N, C-alpha and C. Protein backbone atom coordinates (compact mmCIF):
# COMPACT_ATOMS: atom_id res chain seq x y z
N MET A 1 -16.20 -3.53 53.82
CA MET A 1 -17.56 -3.05 53.62
C MET A 1 -17.53 -1.89 52.62
N LEU A 2 -18.31 -2.02 51.56
CA LEU A 2 -18.42 -0.95 50.59
C LEU A 2 -19.45 0.06 51.07
N LYS A 3 -19.16 1.33 50.89
CA LYS A 3 -20.04 2.37 51.41
C LYS A 3 -21.08 2.82 50.39
N ILE A 4 -20.91 2.42 49.14
CA ILE A 4 -21.89 2.75 48.10
C ILE A 4 -22.71 1.51 47.83
N ARG A 5 -24.03 1.68 47.78
CA ARG A 5 -24.95 0.56 47.59
C ARG A 5 -25.85 0.80 46.40
N ARG A 6 -26.56 -0.23 46.00
CA ARG A 6 -27.50 -0.12 44.88
C ARG A 6 -28.60 0.90 45.22
N ASP A 7 -29.07 1.62 44.21
CA ASP A 7 -30.12 2.64 44.29
C ASP A 7 -29.65 3.94 44.94
N ASP A 8 -28.37 4.11 45.23
CA ASP A 8 -27.84 5.38 45.70
C ASP A 8 -27.69 6.32 44.51
N ILE A 9 -27.84 7.62 44.75
CA ILE A 9 -27.58 8.62 43.73
C ILE A 9 -26.15 9.12 43.96
N VAL A 10 -25.32 9.01 42.92
CA VAL A 10 -23.91 9.35 43.06
C VAL A 10 -23.49 10.40 42.03
N LEU A 11 -22.39 11.08 42.33
CA LEU A 11 -21.78 12.05 41.44
C LEU A 11 -20.41 11.51 41.05
N VAL A 12 -20.07 11.60 39.78
CA VAL A 12 -18.77 11.12 39.31
C VAL A 12 -17.74 12.20 39.62
N ALA A 13 -16.71 11.85 40.39
CA ALA A 13 -15.70 12.80 40.84
C ALA A 13 -14.49 12.84 39.92
N ALA A 14 -14.27 11.79 39.13
CA ALA A 14 -13.10 11.75 38.26
C ALA A 14 -13.41 10.91 37.03
N GLY A 15 -12.72 11.21 35.94
CA GLY A 15 -12.89 10.45 34.71
C GLY A 15 -13.57 11.26 33.63
N LYS A 16 -13.91 10.60 32.53
CA LYS A 16 -14.47 11.30 31.37
C LYS A 16 -15.87 11.84 31.63
N ASP A 17 -16.60 11.27 32.60
CA ASP A 17 -17.95 11.72 32.93
C ASP A 17 -17.98 12.56 34.20
N LYS A 18 -16.90 13.23 34.53
CA LYS A 18 -16.79 14.00 35.76
C LYS A 18 -17.91 15.05 35.84
N GLY A 19 -18.59 15.10 37.00
CA GLY A 19 -19.66 16.06 37.22
C GLY A 19 -21.06 15.54 36.93
N LYS A 20 -21.17 14.36 36.32
CA LYS A 20 -22.48 13.79 36.01
C LYS A 20 -23.04 13.03 37.21
N LYS A 21 -24.37 12.99 37.29
CA LYS A 21 -25.05 12.28 38.37
C LYS A 21 -25.78 11.07 37.80
N GLY A 22 -25.94 10.05 38.63
CA GLY A 22 -26.65 8.86 38.18
C GLY A 22 -27.00 7.95 39.34
N LYS A 23 -27.85 6.99 39.05
CA LYS A 23 -28.32 6.02 40.04
C LYS A 23 -27.50 4.74 39.90
N VAL A 24 -27.06 4.19 41.02
CA VAL A 24 -26.26 2.96 41.01
C VAL A 24 -27.19 1.79 40.71
N LEU A 25 -26.84 1.04 39.65
CA LEU A 25 -27.64 -0.11 39.25
C LEU A 25 -27.12 -1.41 39.86
N GLN A 26 -25.79 -1.51 39.98
CA GLN A 26 -25.19 -2.75 40.45
C GLN A 26 -23.84 -2.44 41.07
N VAL A 27 -23.47 -3.17 42.13
CA VAL A 27 -22.18 -2.99 42.79
C VAL A 27 -21.49 -4.34 42.88
N SER A 28 -20.21 -4.37 42.51
CA SER A 28 -19.40 -5.58 42.63
C SER A 28 -18.38 -5.36 43.74
N SER A 29 -18.53 -6.06 44.85
CA SER A 29 -17.61 -5.87 45.97
C SER A 29 -16.25 -6.50 45.71
N ALA A 30 -16.20 -7.55 44.88
CA ALA A 30 -14.93 -8.22 44.61
C ALA A 30 -13.98 -7.31 43.84
N SER A 31 -14.49 -6.53 42.89
CA SER A 31 -13.64 -5.67 42.09
C SER A 31 -13.75 -4.19 42.48
N SER A 32 -14.57 -3.87 43.48
CA SER A 32 -14.81 -2.50 43.94
C SER A 32 -15.25 -1.59 42.80
N ARG A 33 -16.17 -2.07 41.99
CA ARG A 33 -16.68 -1.31 40.86
C ARG A 33 -18.20 -1.27 40.91
N ALA A 34 -18.75 -0.24 40.30
CA ALA A 34 -20.21 -0.08 40.26
C ALA A 34 -20.64 0.28 38.85
N ILE A 35 -21.86 -0.12 38.51
CA ILE A 35 -22.46 0.27 37.24
C ILE A 35 -23.48 1.35 37.56
N VAL A 36 -23.29 2.53 36.95
CA VAL A 36 -24.14 3.69 37.21
C VAL A 36 -24.93 4.01 35.95
N GLU A 37 -26.21 4.30 36.12
CA GLU A 37 -27.11 4.56 35.01
C GLU A 37 -26.66 5.78 34.20
N GLY A 38 -26.36 5.58 32.91
CA GLY A 38 -25.99 6.66 32.01
C GLY A 38 -24.55 7.14 32.13
N ILE A 39 -23.72 6.47 32.93
CA ILE A 39 -22.34 6.88 33.15
C ILE A 39 -21.40 5.83 32.56
N ASN A 40 -20.27 6.28 31.99
CA ASN A 40 -19.24 5.40 31.43
C ASN A 40 -19.82 4.50 30.34
N MET A 41 -20.51 5.12 29.39
CA MET A 41 -21.16 4.37 28.31
C MET A 41 -20.10 3.83 27.33
N MET A 42 -20.34 2.59 26.87
CA MET A 42 -19.47 1.98 25.89
C MET A 42 -20.33 1.33 24.82
N LYS A 43 -19.74 1.08 23.67
CA LYS A 43 -20.46 0.45 22.58
C LYS A 43 -20.02 -0.99 22.46
N LYS A 44 -21.00 -1.88 22.29
CA LYS A 44 -20.72 -3.30 22.18
C LYS A 44 -21.36 -3.82 20.90
N HIS A 45 -20.61 -4.59 20.14
CA HIS A 45 -21.11 -5.15 18.89
C HIS A 45 -21.73 -6.51 19.21
N LEU A 46 -23.01 -6.67 18.90
CA LEU A 46 -23.72 -7.92 19.19
C LEU A 46 -24.17 -8.59 17.91
N ARG A 47 -24.04 -9.90 17.89
CA ARG A 47 -24.53 -10.70 16.78
C ARG A 47 -25.87 -11.31 17.18
N ARG A 48 -26.76 -11.44 16.23
CA ARG A 48 -28.07 -12.04 16.51
C ARG A 48 -27.89 -13.53 16.76
N ARG A 49 -28.28 -13.98 17.96
CA ARG A 49 -28.16 -15.40 18.31
C ARG A 49 -29.48 -16.14 18.03
N ARG A 50 -30.58 -15.49 18.40
CA ARG A 50 -31.91 -16.04 18.12
C ARG A 50 -32.68 -15.04 17.27
N GLU A 51 -33.81 -15.42 16.75
CA GLU A 51 -34.55 -14.51 15.87
C GLU A 51 -35.06 -13.27 16.59
N GLN A 52 -35.42 -13.40 17.86
CA GLN A 52 -35.97 -12.25 18.57
C GLN A 52 -34.88 -11.35 19.14
N ASP A 53 -33.61 -11.77 19.11
CA ASP A 53 -32.52 -10.95 19.64
C ASP A 53 -32.24 -9.77 18.72
N GLN A 54 -31.72 -8.69 19.35
CA GLN A 54 -31.34 -7.51 18.60
C GLN A 54 -29.86 -7.61 18.25
N SER A 55 -29.52 -7.22 17.03
CA SER A 55 -28.12 -7.25 16.64
C SER A 55 -27.67 -5.84 16.30
N GLY A 56 -26.37 -5.65 16.19
CA GLY A 56 -25.83 -4.35 15.85
C GLY A 56 -24.99 -3.79 16.97
N ILE A 57 -24.82 -2.47 16.96
CA ILE A 57 -24.00 -1.79 17.96
C ILE A 57 -24.92 -1.27 19.05
N ILE A 58 -24.70 -1.73 20.28
CA ILE A 58 -25.56 -1.37 21.41
C ILE A 58 -24.72 -0.60 22.42
N GLU A 59 -25.28 0.50 22.93
CA GLU A 59 -24.60 1.26 23.99
C GLU A 59 -25.03 0.72 25.35
N MET A 60 -24.06 0.50 26.21
CA MET A 60 -24.35 0.01 27.55
C MET A 60 -23.38 0.61 28.54
N GLU A 61 -23.73 0.55 29.83
CA GLU A 61 -22.88 1.10 30.88
C GLU A 61 -21.76 0.13 31.21
N ALA A 62 -20.57 0.66 31.38
CA ALA A 62 -19.43 -0.13 31.82
C ALA A 62 -19.18 0.16 33.30
N PRO A 63 -18.58 -0.77 34.02
CA PRO A 63 -18.31 -0.52 35.45
C PRO A 63 -17.31 0.61 35.65
N ILE A 64 -17.48 1.35 36.74
CA ILE A 64 -16.58 2.44 37.10
C ILE A 64 -16.12 2.18 38.53
N HIS A 65 -14.88 2.52 38.84
CA HIS A 65 -14.34 2.24 40.16
C HIS A 65 -15.02 3.10 41.22
N ILE A 66 -15.25 2.53 42.38
CA ILE A 66 -16.00 3.21 43.45
C ILE A 66 -15.25 4.44 43.97
N SER A 67 -13.92 4.45 43.86
CA SER A 67 -13.15 5.60 44.34
C SER A 67 -13.44 6.85 43.50
N ASN A 68 -14.00 6.69 42.32
CA ASN A 68 -14.33 7.83 41.46
C ASN A 68 -15.76 8.33 41.67
N LEU A 69 -16.47 7.79 42.64
CA LEU A 69 -17.87 8.16 42.89
C LEU A 69 -18.00 8.80 44.27
N MET A 70 -18.90 9.80 44.36
CA MET A 70 -19.25 10.40 45.65
C MET A 70 -20.76 10.35 45.78
N ILE A 71 -21.23 9.96 46.94
CA ILE A 71 -22.66 9.85 47.16
C ILE A 71 -23.26 11.24 47.38
N LEU A 72 -24.47 11.45 46.89
CA LEU A 72 -25.17 12.72 47.10
C LEU A 72 -26.08 12.57 48.31
N CYS A 73 -25.92 13.45 49.28
CA CYS A 73 -26.74 13.43 50.49
C CYS A 73 -28.15 13.91 50.15
N LYS A 74 -29.15 13.22 50.68
CA LYS A 74 -30.55 13.60 50.43
C LYS A 74 -30.95 14.84 51.20
N HIS A 75 -30.30 15.10 52.33
CA HIS A 75 -30.68 16.22 53.19
C HIS A 75 -30.03 17.53 52.75
N CYS A 76 -28.71 17.51 52.56
CA CYS A 76 -28.02 18.75 52.17
C CYS A 76 -27.79 18.84 50.67
N SER A 77 -28.12 17.78 49.92
CA SER A 77 -28.00 17.67 48.45
C SER A 77 -26.63 18.08 47.93
N LYS A 78 -25.57 17.69 48.66
CA LYS A 78 -24.20 17.94 48.25
C LYS A 78 -23.46 16.62 48.14
N PRO A 79 -22.47 16.54 47.25
CA PRO A 79 -21.64 15.32 47.22
C PRO A 79 -20.79 15.26 48.49
N THR A 80 -20.75 14.09 49.10
CA THR A 80 -20.10 13.98 50.40
C THR A 80 -19.39 12.65 50.54
N ARG A 81 -18.49 12.61 51.52
CA ARG A 81 -17.90 11.34 51.92
C ARG A 81 -18.88 10.67 52.89
N ILE A 82 -18.66 9.40 53.13
CA ILE A 82 -19.58 8.63 53.96
C ILE A 82 -18.86 8.17 55.22
N GLY A 83 -19.51 8.37 56.36
CA GLY A 83 -19.01 7.87 57.62
C GLY A 83 -19.93 6.78 58.14
N VAL A 84 -19.47 6.06 59.12
CA VAL A 84 -20.26 4.99 59.72
C VAL A 84 -20.47 5.32 61.19
N LYS A 85 -21.72 5.24 61.63
CA LYS A 85 -22.06 5.53 63.02
C LYS A 85 -22.76 4.32 63.62
N VAL A 86 -22.36 3.96 64.83
CA VAL A 86 -23.00 2.85 65.53
C VAL A 86 -24.15 3.42 66.35
N LEU A 87 -25.35 2.93 66.09
CA LEU A 87 -26.53 3.42 66.79
C LEU A 87 -26.65 2.77 68.16
N LYS A 88 -27.61 3.24 68.96
CA LYS A 88 -27.78 2.73 70.33
C LYS A 88 -28.14 1.25 70.37
N ASP A 89 -28.86 0.78 69.34
CA ASP A 89 -29.25 -0.63 69.32
C ASP A 89 -28.13 -1.55 68.79
N GLY A 90 -26.98 -0.98 68.47
CA GLY A 90 -25.84 -1.78 68.02
C GLY A 90 -25.71 -1.89 66.52
N SER A 91 -26.70 -1.43 65.76
CA SER A 91 -26.60 -1.51 64.31
C SER A 91 -25.77 -0.34 63.78
N ARG A 92 -25.20 -0.54 62.60
CA ARG A 92 -24.37 0.48 61.98
C ARG A 92 -25.16 1.15 60.86
N SER A 93 -24.98 2.45 60.70
CA SER A 93 -25.65 3.15 59.61
C SER A 93 -24.68 4.14 58.99
N ARG A 94 -24.92 4.48 57.73
CA ARG A 94 -24.06 5.42 57.01
C ARG A 94 -24.52 6.85 57.30
N ILE A 95 -23.56 7.74 57.50
CA ILE A 95 -23.91 9.14 57.75
C ILE A 95 -23.17 10.04 56.76
N CYS A 96 -23.74 11.21 56.53
CA CYS A 96 -23.14 12.24 55.69
C CYS A 96 -22.06 12.94 56.50
N LYS A 97 -20.85 13.09 55.96
CA LYS A 97 -19.77 13.76 56.68
C LYS A 97 -19.96 15.26 56.76
N LYS A 98 -20.80 15.83 55.85
CA LYS A 98 -21.00 17.29 55.84
C LYS A 98 -22.06 17.73 56.83
N CYS A 99 -23.23 17.05 56.80
CA CYS A 99 -24.33 17.50 57.68
C CYS A 99 -24.59 16.56 58.84
N GLY A 100 -24.04 15.35 58.82
CA GLY A 100 -24.18 14.41 59.93
C GLY A 100 -25.48 13.63 59.92
N GLU A 101 -26.33 13.80 58.90
CA GLU A 101 -27.60 13.08 58.84
C GLU A 101 -27.38 11.63 58.36
N ILE A 102 -28.30 10.77 58.75
CA ILE A 102 -28.23 9.36 58.35
C ILE A 102 -28.70 9.24 56.91
N LEU A 103 -27.92 8.51 56.10
CA LEU A 103 -28.26 8.32 54.68
C LEU A 103 -29.24 7.18 54.53
């Protein structure tokens, strides 16, 4: 089970974009990588395939490994690790390790 999901706000803990924040756009569980908005930008050369397509050098986000990301807690607004808590009804939910609130 991956602890980071789409639409989470994360902080980059390691790499060339260390310290930047962004919103998770996509998560790949098979490769344990995520695409974060505005993080790990790369340039891709595209050729025009159809008339309405754009050609040239386009900047886009590249996947970053999940181990390099920390989720930002909405309650304490700090980067934190994620724990899992089983609720009374049997469902599991993610909790902040710093303040204990449900994410």
